[in-house]
Amino acid sequence: MDSMQQTLITAARTEFLQHGYKAASIADIAARAGVAVGSVYKFFPSKQALFFEVYFTENARAKQQIAAAIDWSNPRQALKEFITKAAETSRDNQILQAWTQPGIGDQLKSECLGRCETGEFRAFLHKLAEQWRAAGSLPADY
């Protein structure tokens, strides 16, 4: 990834965390990154495109942190704990809250259909399911 692109993503993450999707502006993101507004559009065609980059990176980071803190040996308990921690994390993070916001949330869900089908977390869950089935902790048809 180009260093300017990474600088923009970092600046955008800060703005989106502080202000949420709607209130954050491309002008504020550009100012935080120390570039002209036009420079943002060189790398991202829209605020939404930039937000999607930030959102999916933030979502993956959060899932990895949560997954690392859970004992996955008991499927029922682990999944319950994961869902609880994911909800808590989303409640406290304005980037992740966008999933439930009118307008941008619908766009995120649509974008996720393509991105999440091949995501690392999906692969992680598939591997766990195989381990749980082999250990008899999860029915074969689950």
N, C-alpha and C. Protein backbone atom coordinates (compact mmCIF):
# COMPACT_ATOMS: atom_id res chain seq x y z
N MET A 1 0.85 -1.17 0.00
CA MET A 1 0.00 0.00 0.00
C MET A 1 0.90 1.24 0.00
N ASP A 2 0.56 2.20 -0.79
CA ASP A 2 1.27 3.47 -0.87
C ASP A 2 1.26 4.15 0.50
N SER A 3 2.39 4.81 0.86
CA SER A 3 2.45 5.45 2.18
C SER A 3 1.44 6.58 2.33
N MET A 4 1.15 7.31 1.24
CA MET A 4 0.13 8.36 1.32
C MET A 4 -1.24 7.75 1.55
N GLN A 5 -1.51 6.65 0.90
CA GLN A 5 -2.79 5.97 1.09
C GLN A 5 -2.92 5.52 2.55
N GLN A 6 -1.85 4.98 3.11
CA GLN A 6 -1.88 4.55 4.51
C GLN A 6 -2.05 5.75 5.44
N THR A 7 -1.42 6.87 5.13
CA THR A 7 -1.57 8.09 5.93
C THR A 7 -3.03 8.54 5.92
N LEU A 8 -3.67 8.47 4.77
CA LEU A 8 -5.07 8.86 4.65
C LEU A 8 -5.97 7.92 5.45
N ILE A 9 -5.70 6.64 5.39
CA ILE A 9 -6.50 5.66 6.12
C ILE A 9 -6.35 5.88 7.63
N THR A 10 -5.14 6.16 8.07
CA THR A 10 -4.91 6.42 9.49
C THR A 10 -5.64 7.68 9.94
N ALA A 11 -5.55 8.73 9.14
CA ALA A 11 -6.25 9.98 9.47
C ALA A 11 -7.76 9.76 9.46
N ALA A 12 -8.25 9.02 8.47
CA ALA A 12 -9.68 8.75 8.38
C ALA A 12 -10.16 7.92 9.57
N ARG A 13 -9.37 6.95 9.97
CA ARG A 13 -9.75 6.12 11.13
C ARG A 13 -9.93 7.01 12.36
N THR A 14 -9.01 7.92 12.58
CA THR A 14 -9.11 8.82 13.73
C THR A 14 -10.38 9.67 13.65
N GLU A 15 -10.63 10.23 12.48
CA GLU A 15 -11.82 11.08 12.30
C GLU A 15 -13.11 10.27 12.48
N PHE A 16 -13.16 9.10 11.87
CA PHE A 16 -14.37 8.27 11.97
C PHE A 16 -14.58 7.78 13.40
N LEU A 17 -13.50 7.44 14.12
CA LEU A 17 -13.64 7.04 15.52
C LEU A 17 -14.17 8.18 16.37
N GLN A 18 -13.69 9.38 16.13
CA GLN A 18 -14.09 10.53 16.94
C GLN A 18 -15.47 11.07 16.59
N HIS A 19 -15.82 11.04 15.30
CA HIS A 19 -17.02 11.73 14.86
C HIS A 19 -18.07 10.84 14.20
N GLY A 20 -17.74 9.60 13.90
CA GLY A 20 -18.66 8.75 13.17
C GLY A 20 -18.64 9.04 11.69
N TYR A 21 -19.30 8.19 10.93
CA TYR A 21 -19.27 8.32 9.46
C TYR A 21 -19.89 9.64 8.99
N LYS A 22 -21.10 9.91 9.45
CA LYS A 22 -21.83 11.08 8.94
C LYS A 22 -21.12 12.40 9.24
N ALA A 23 -20.63 12.57 10.45
CA ALA A 23 -20.06 13.85 10.86
C ALA A 23 -18.63 14.06 10.38
N ALA A 24 -17.91 12.99 10.08
CA ALA A 24 -16.54 13.14 9.58
C ALA A 24 -16.60 13.69 8.15
N SER A 25 -15.67 14.56 7.83
CA SER A 25 -15.65 15.12 6.48
C SER A 25 -14.33 14.84 5.79
N ILE A 26 -14.38 14.79 4.48
CA ILE A 26 -13.15 14.62 3.69
C ILE A 26 -12.19 15.77 3.98
N ALA A 27 -12.69 16.97 4.16
CA ALA A 27 -11.82 18.12 4.47
C ALA A 27 -11.08 17.91 5.78
N ASP A 28 -11.77 17.41 6.80
CA ASP A 28 -11.13 17.17 8.09
C ASP A 28 -10.12 16.02 7.99
N ILE A 29 -10.44 15.00 7.23
CA ILE A 29 -9.52 13.88 7.04
C ILE A 29 -8.27 14.37 6.32
N ALA A 30 -8.45 15.16 5.26
CA ALA A 30 -7.32 15.71 4.51
C ALA A 30 -6.45 16.58 5.42
N ALA A 31 -7.08 17.43 6.21
CA ALA A 31 -6.32 18.30 7.11
C ALA A 31 -5.52 17.47 8.12
N ARG A 32 -6.14 16.45 8.66
CA ARG A 32 -5.44 15.58 9.63
C ARG A 32 -4.26 14.88 8.97
N ALA A 33 -4.41 14.51 7.70
CA ALA A 33 -3.34 13.84 6.97
C ALA A 33 -2.30 14.82 6.44
N GLY A 34 -2.62 16.12 6.47
CA GLY A 34 -1.70 17.14 5.98
C GLY A 34 -1.62 17.22 4.47
N VAL A 35 -2.77 16.96 3.82
CA VAL A 35 -2.82 17.00 2.36
C VAL A 35 -4.03 17.82 1.91
N ALA A 36 -4.05 18.14 0.64
CA ALA A 36 -5.19 18.84 0.06
C ALA A 36 -6.35 17.86 -0.13
N VAL A 37 -7.55 18.37 -0.12
CA VAL A 37 -8.74 17.53 -0.29
C VAL A 37 -8.65 16.71 -1.58
N GLY A 38 -8.17 17.32 -2.64
CA GLY A 38 -8.05 16.61 -3.92
C GLY A 38 -7.16 15.38 -3.83
N SER A 39 -6.19 15.41 -2.94
CA SER A 39 -5.30 14.26 -2.77
C SER A 39 -6.04 13.04 -2.24
N VAL A 40 -7.05 13.28 -1.43
CA VAL A 40 -7.85 12.16 -0.91
C VAL A 40 -8.52 11.44 -2.08
N TYR A 41 -9.07 12.23 -2.99
CA TYR A 41 -9.81 11.65 -4.12
C TYR A 41 -8.89 10.97 -5.13
N LYS A 42 -7.61 11.22 -5.05
CA LYS A 42 -6.65 10.51 -5.91
C LYS A 42 -6.62 9.02 -5.54
N PHE A 43 -6.82 8.74 -4.26
CA PHE A 43 -6.75 7.37 -3.77
C PHE A 43 -8.11 6.74 -3.51
N PHE A 44 -9.10 7.56 -3.19
CA PHE A 44 -10.43 7.06 -2.85
C PHE A 44 -11.47 7.90 -3.59
N PRO A 45 -12.32 7.28 -4.39
CA PRO A 45 -13.26 8.04 -5.20
C PRO A 45 -14.36 8.74 -4.39
N SER A 46 -14.55 8.32 -3.13
CA SER A 46 -15.61 8.91 -2.32
C SER A 46 -15.32 8.71 -0.83
N LYS A 47 -16.03 9.43 -0.01
CA LYS A 47 -15.94 9.25 1.44
C LYS A 47 -16.35 7.82 1.79
N GLN A 48 -17.36 7.32 1.11
CA GLN A 48 -17.83 5.96 1.38
C GLN A 48 -16.74 4.93 1.09
N ALA A 49 -16.04 5.08 -0.03
CA ALA A 49 -14.97 4.14 -0.38
C ALA A 49 -13.86 4.16 0.67
N LEU A 50 -13.50 5.35 1.13
CA LEU A 50 -12.50 5.48 2.19
C LEU A 50 -13.01 4.85 3.48
N PHE A 51 -14.26 5.11 3.80
CA PHE A 51 -14.83 4.54 5.01
C PHE A 51 -14.83 3.01 4.95
N PHE A 52 -15.18 2.45 3.80
CA PHE A 52 -15.18 0.98 3.69
C PHE A 52 -13.80 0.41 3.99
N GLU A 53 -12.75 1.04 3.47
CA GLU A 53 -11.39 0.58 3.77
C GLU A 53 -11.14 0.61 5.27
N VAL A 54 -11.50 1.70 5.90
CA VAL A 54 -11.30 1.84 7.34
C VAL A 54 -12.17 0.83 8.08
N TYR A 55 -13.43 0.71 7.71
CA TYR A 55 -14.36 -0.18 8.41
C TYR A 55 -13.87 -1.63 8.37
N PHE A 56 -13.54 -2.13 7.20
CA PHE A 56 -13.19 -3.54 7.11
C PHE A 56 -11.85 -3.84 7.80
N THR A 57 -10.95 -2.89 7.81
CA THR A 57 -9.70 -3.05 8.56
C THR A 57 -10.00 -3.05 10.06
N GLU A 58 -10.83 -2.11 10.50
CA GLU A 58 -11.21 -2.01 11.92
C GLU A 58 -11.98 -3.25 12.37
N ASN A 59 -12.88 -3.74 11.54
CA ASN A 59 -13.67 -4.91 11.85
C ASN A 59 -12.76 -6.14 12.00
N ALA A 60 -11.82 -6.32 11.08
CA ALA A 60 -10.89 -7.46 11.15
C ALA A 60 -10.02 -7.36 12.40
N ARG A 61 -9.53 -6.17 12.70
CA ARG A 61 -8.70 -5.97 13.89
C ARG A 61 -9.48 -6.32 15.15
N ALA A 62 -10.71 -5.85 15.23
CA ALA A 62 -11.54 -6.12 16.41
C ALA A 62 -11.81 -7.62 16.56
N LYS A 63 -12.14 -8.28 15.47
CA LYS A 63 -12.40 -9.73 15.53
C LYS A 63 -11.17 -10.49 15.97
N GLN A 64 -10.00 -10.10 15.46
CA GLN A 64 -8.76 -10.78 15.85
C GLN A 64 -8.49 -10.60 17.34
N GLN A 65 -8.68 -9.39 17.85
CA GLN A 65 -8.46 -9.13 19.27
C GLN A 65 -9.42 -9.94 20.13
N ILE A 66 -10.67 -9.95 19.75
CA ILE A 66 -11.67 -10.70 20.51
C ILE A 66 -11.36 -12.19 20.46
N ALA A 67 -11.09 -12.71 19.27
CA ALA A 67 -10.82 -14.14 19.11
C ALA A 67 -9.61 -14.58 19.92
N ALA A 68 -8.59 -13.73 20.01
CA ALA A 68 -7.38 -14.08 20.76
C ALA A 68 -7.64 -14.16 22.26
N ALA A 69 -8.68 -13.50 22.74
CA ALA A 69 -8.96 -13.45 24.17
C ALA A 69 -9.94 -14.53 24.64
N ILE A 70 -10.36 -15.39 23.73
CA ILE A 70 -11.39 -16.38 24.06
C ILE A 70 -10.80 -17.78 24.08
N ASP A 71 -11.24 -18.57 25.04
CA ASP A 71 -10.93 -20.00 25.08
C ASP A 71 -11.94 -20.70 24.18
N TRP A 72 -11.49 -21.22 23.07
CA TRP A 72 -12.38 -21.77 22.04
C TRP A 72 -12.66 -23.27 22.23
N SER A 73 -12.29 -23.84 23.37
CA SER A 73 -12.46 -25.28 23.54
C SER A 73 -13.92 -25.71 23.71
N ASN A 74 -14.76 -24.83 24.22
CA ASN A 74 -16.18 -25.14 24.39
C ASN A 74 -16.97 -24.29 23.39
N PRO A 75 -17.47 -24.90 22.31
CA PRO A 75 -18.13 -24.12 21.25
C PRO A 75 -19.26 -23.22 21.73
N ARG A 76 -20.14 -23.74 22.54
CA ARG A 76 -21.31 -22.97 22.98
C ARG A 76 -20.86 -21.75 23.80
N GLN A 77 -19.98 -21.97 24.76
CA GLN A 77 -19.50 -20.87 25.60
C GLN A 77 -18.67 -19.88 24.79
N ALA A 78 -17.82 -20.39 23.91
CA ALA A 78 -16.94 -19.52 23.11
C ALA A 78 -17.75 -18.63 22.18
N LEU A 79 -18.74 -19.18 21.52
CA LEU A 79 -19.55 -18.37 20.60
C LEU A 79 -20.38 -17.34 21.36
N LYS A 80 -20.89 -17.73 22.50
CA LYS A 80 -21.64 -16.78 23.33
C LYS A 80 -20.72 -15.64 23.77
N GLU A 81 -19.52 -15.97 24.20
CA GLU A 81 -18.57 -14.95 24.63
C GLU A 81 -18.15 -14.06 23.46
N PHE A 82 -17.96 -14.68 22.29
CA PHE A 82 -17.58 -13.89 21.12
C PHE A 82 -18.67 -12.87 20.77
N ILE A 83 -19.91 -13.32 20.75
CA ILE A 83 -21.02 -12.42 20.41
C ILE A 83 -21.13 -11.29 21.44
N THR A 84 -20.99 -11.63 22.70
CA THR A 84 -21.06 -10.60 23.76
C THR A 84 -19.95 -9.58 23.60
N LYS A 85 -18.72 -10.05 23.40
CA LYS A 85 -17.58 -9.14 23.26
C LYS A 85 -17.68 -8.32 21.97
N ALA A 86 -18.19 -8.93 20.91
CA ALA A 86 -18.35 -8.19 19.65
C ALA A 86 -19.37 -7.06 19.82
N ALA A 87 -20.45 -7.35 20.52
CA ALA A 87 -21.45 -6.31 20.76
C ALA A 87 -20.88 -5.19 21.62
N GLU A 88 -20.13 -5.55 22.65
CA GLU A 88 -19.50 -4.53 23.51
C GLU A 88 -18.52 -3.68 22.71
N THR A 89 -17.72 -4.32 21.90
CA THR A 89 -16.73 -3.60 21.09
C THR A 89 -17.42 -2.66 20.12
N SER A 90 -18.47 -3.12 19.47
CA SER A 90 -19.20 -2.28 18.52
C SER A 90 -19.88 -1.11 19.22
N ARG A 91 -20.39 -1.33 20.39
CA ARG A 91 -21.06 -0.28 21.15
C ARG A 91 -20.11 0.89 21.44
N ASP A 92 -18.84 0.58 21.64
CA ASP A 92 -17.86 1.58 22.02
C ASP A 92 -17.04 2.13 20.84
N ASN A 93 -17.36 1.74 19.63
CA ASN A 93 -16.54 2.10 18.47
C ASN A 93 -17.43 2.71 17.38
N GLN A 94 -17.26 4.00 17.10
CA GLN A 94 -18.13 4.67 16.12
C GLN A 94 -17.95 4.12 14.70
N ILE A 95 -16.82 3.55 14.41
CA ILE A 95 -16.64 2.95 13.08
C ILE A 95 -17.53 1.71 12.97
N LEU A 96 -17.44 0.84 13.94
CA LEU A 96 -18.21 -0.41 13.90
C LEU A 96 -19.71 -0.17 14.07
N GLN A 97 -20.09 0.92 14.72
CA GLN A 97 -21.50 1.25 14.89
C GLN A 97 -22.18 1.52 13.55
N ALA A 98 -21.43 1.87 12.55
CA ALA A 98 -22.01 2.21 11.24
C ALA A 98 -22.82 1.05 10.67
N TRP A 99 -22.50 -0.18 11.08
CA TRP A 99 -23.20 -1.36 10.58
C TRP A 99 -24.71 -1.24 10.79
N THR A 100 -25.10 -0.58 11.87
CA THR A 100 -26.53 -0.49 12.21
C THR A 100 -27.15 0.86 11.84
N GLN A 101 -26.39 1.74 11.24
CA GLN A 101 -26.92 3.06 10.88
C GLN A 101 -27.65 3.02 9.55
N PRO A 102 -28.78 3.70 9.47
CA PRO A 102 -29.51 3.75 8.20
C PRO A 102 -28.61 4.30 7.08
N GLY A 103 -28.78 3.77 5.91
CA GLY A 103 -28.02 4.24 4.76
C GLY A 103 -26.67 3.56 4.66
N ILE A 104 -25.70 4.01 5.44
CA ILE A 104 -24.35 3.45 5.35
C ILE A 104 -24.33 1.99 5.80
N GLY A 105 -25.16 1.63 6.76
CA GLY A 105 -25.23 0.24 7.21
C GLY A 105 -25.68 -0.69 6.10
N ASP A 106 -26.66 -0.27 5.33
CA ASP A 106 -27.12 -1.09 4.20
C ASP A 106 -26.01 -1.26 3.17
N GLN A 107 -25.28 -0.18 2.92
CA GLN A 107 -24.17 -0.24 1.97
C GLN A 107 -23.06 -1.16 2.48
N LEU A 108 -22.77 -1.09 3.77
CA LEU A 108 -21.76 -1.97 4.37
C LEU A 108 -22.15 -3.44 4.23
N LYS A 109 -23.40 -3.73 4.51
CA LYS A 109 -23.87 -5.11 4.43
C LYS A 109 -23.75 -5.64 3.00
N SER A 110 -24.08 -4.81 2.05
CA SER A 110 -23.95 -5.20 0.65
C SER A 110 -22.48 -5.44 0.28
N GLU A 111 -21.62 -4.54 0.69
CA GLU A 111 -20.18 -4.66 0.42
C GLU A 111 -19.60 -5.90 1.11
N CYS A 112 -20.11 -6.19 2.28
CA CYS A 112 -19.61 -7.32 3.06
C CYS A 112 -19.88 -8.66 2.37
N LEU A 113 -20.95 -8.74 1.64
CA LEU A 113 -21.27 -10.00 0.96
C LEU A 113 -20.10 -10.45 0.10
N GLY A 114 -19.46 -9.51 -0.57
CA GLY A 114 -18.30 -9.85 -1.38
C GLY A 114 -17.04 -10.05 -0.57
N ARG A 115 -16.80 -9.18 0.37
CA ARG A 115 -15.55 -9.22 1.13
C ARG A 115 -15.52 -10.30 2.20
N CYS A 116 -16.63 -10.55 2.86
CA CYS A 116 -16.63 -11.44 4.01
C CYS A 116 -16.64 -12.92 3.62
N GLU A 117 -17.04 -13.22 2.41
CA GLU A 117 -17.06 -14.62 1.97
C GLU A 117 -15.66 -15.23 1.97
N THR A 118 -14.65 -14.41 1.80
CA THR A 118 -13.28 -14.92 1.72
C THR A 118 -12.42 -14.41 2.87
N GLY A 119 -13.03 -13.86 3.89
CA GLY A 119 -12.29 -13.24 4.98
C GLY A 119 -11.56 -14.22 5.87
N GLU A 120 -10.55 -13.69 6.57
CA GLU A 120 -9.76 -14.49 7.50
C GLU A 120 -10.61 -15.05 8.64
N PHE A 121 -11.55 -14.26 9.14
CA PHE A 121 -12.35 -14.72 10.26
C PHE A 121 -13.25 -15.89 9.86
N ARG A 122 -13.76 -15.83 8.66
CA ARG A 122 -14.58 -16.95 8.17
C ARG A 122 -13.74 -18.23 8.12
N ALA A 123 -12.51 -18.11 7.62
CA ALA A 123 -11.61 -19.26 7.58
C ALA A 123 -11.30 -19.77 8.99
N PHE A 124 -11.12 -18.85 9.91
CA PHE A 124 -10.88 -19.19 11.32
C PHE A 124 -12.04 -20.00 11.88
N LEU A 125 -13.27 -19.54 11.64
CA LEU A 125 -14.46 -20.25 12.14
C LEU A 125 -14.60 -21.62 11.50
N HIS A 126 -14.30 -21.72 10.21
CA HIS A 126 -14.38 -23.03 9.55
C HIS A 126 -13.38 -24.01 10.17
N LYS A 127 -12.17 -23.54 10.45
CA LYS A 127 -11.16 -24.39 11.06
C LYS A 127 -11.61 -24.84 12.45
N LEU A 128 -12.16 -23.91 13.23
CA LEU A 128 -12.69 -24.26 14.56
C LEU A 128 -13.81 -25.29 14.45
N ALA A 129 -14.71 -25.09 13.52
CA ALA A 129 -15.82 -26.03 13.36
C ALA A 129 -15.30 -27.43 13.05
N GLU A 130 -14.29 -27.52 12.21
CA GLU A 130 -13.70 -28.83 11.90
C GLU A 130 -13.10 -29.46 13.16
N GLN A 131 -12.40 -28.66 13.96
CA GLN A 131 -11.80 -29.17 15.19
C GLN A 131 -12.89 -29.62 16.16
N TRP A 132 -13.95 -28.83 16.29
CA TRP A 132 -15.03 -29.17 17.20
C TRP A 132 -15.74 -30.45 16.74
N ARG A 133 -15.94 -30.60 15.44
CA ARG A 133 -16.57 -31.82 14.94
C ARG A 133 -15.70 -33.04 15.23
N ALA A 134 -14.39 -32.90 14.99
CA ALA A 134 -13.46 -34.00 15.22
C ALA A 134 -13.44 -34.39 16.70
N ALA A 135 -13.60 -33.42 17.58
CA ALA A 135 -13.60 -33.69 19.02
C ALA A 135 -14.97 -34.12 19.54
N GLY A 136 -15.98 -34.11 18.65
CA GLY A 136 -17.32 -34.49 19.06
C GLY A 136 -18.08 -33.38 19.78
N SER A 137 -17.56 -32.16 19.75
CA SER A 137 -18.20 -31.03 20.42
C SER A 137 -19.25 -30.34 19.56
N LEU A 138 -19.27 -30.68 18.30
CA LEU A 138 -20.18 -30.05 17.37
C LEU A 138 -20.74 -31.12 16.43
N PRO A 139 -22.06 -31.20 16.30
CA PRO A 139 -22.65 -32.20 15.42
C PRO A 139 -22.13 -32.05 13.98
N ALA A 140 -22.03 -33.15 13.28
CA ALA A 140 -21.49 -33.15 11.92
C ALA A 140 -22.29 -32.28 10.97
N ASP A 141 -23.61 -32.18 11.20
CA ASP A 141 -24.46 -31.41 10.28
C ASP A 141 -24.61 -29.94 10.68
N TYR A 142 -23.90 -29.51 11.69
CA TYR A 142 -24.01 -28.13 12.18
C TYR A 142 -23.18 -27.21 11.35
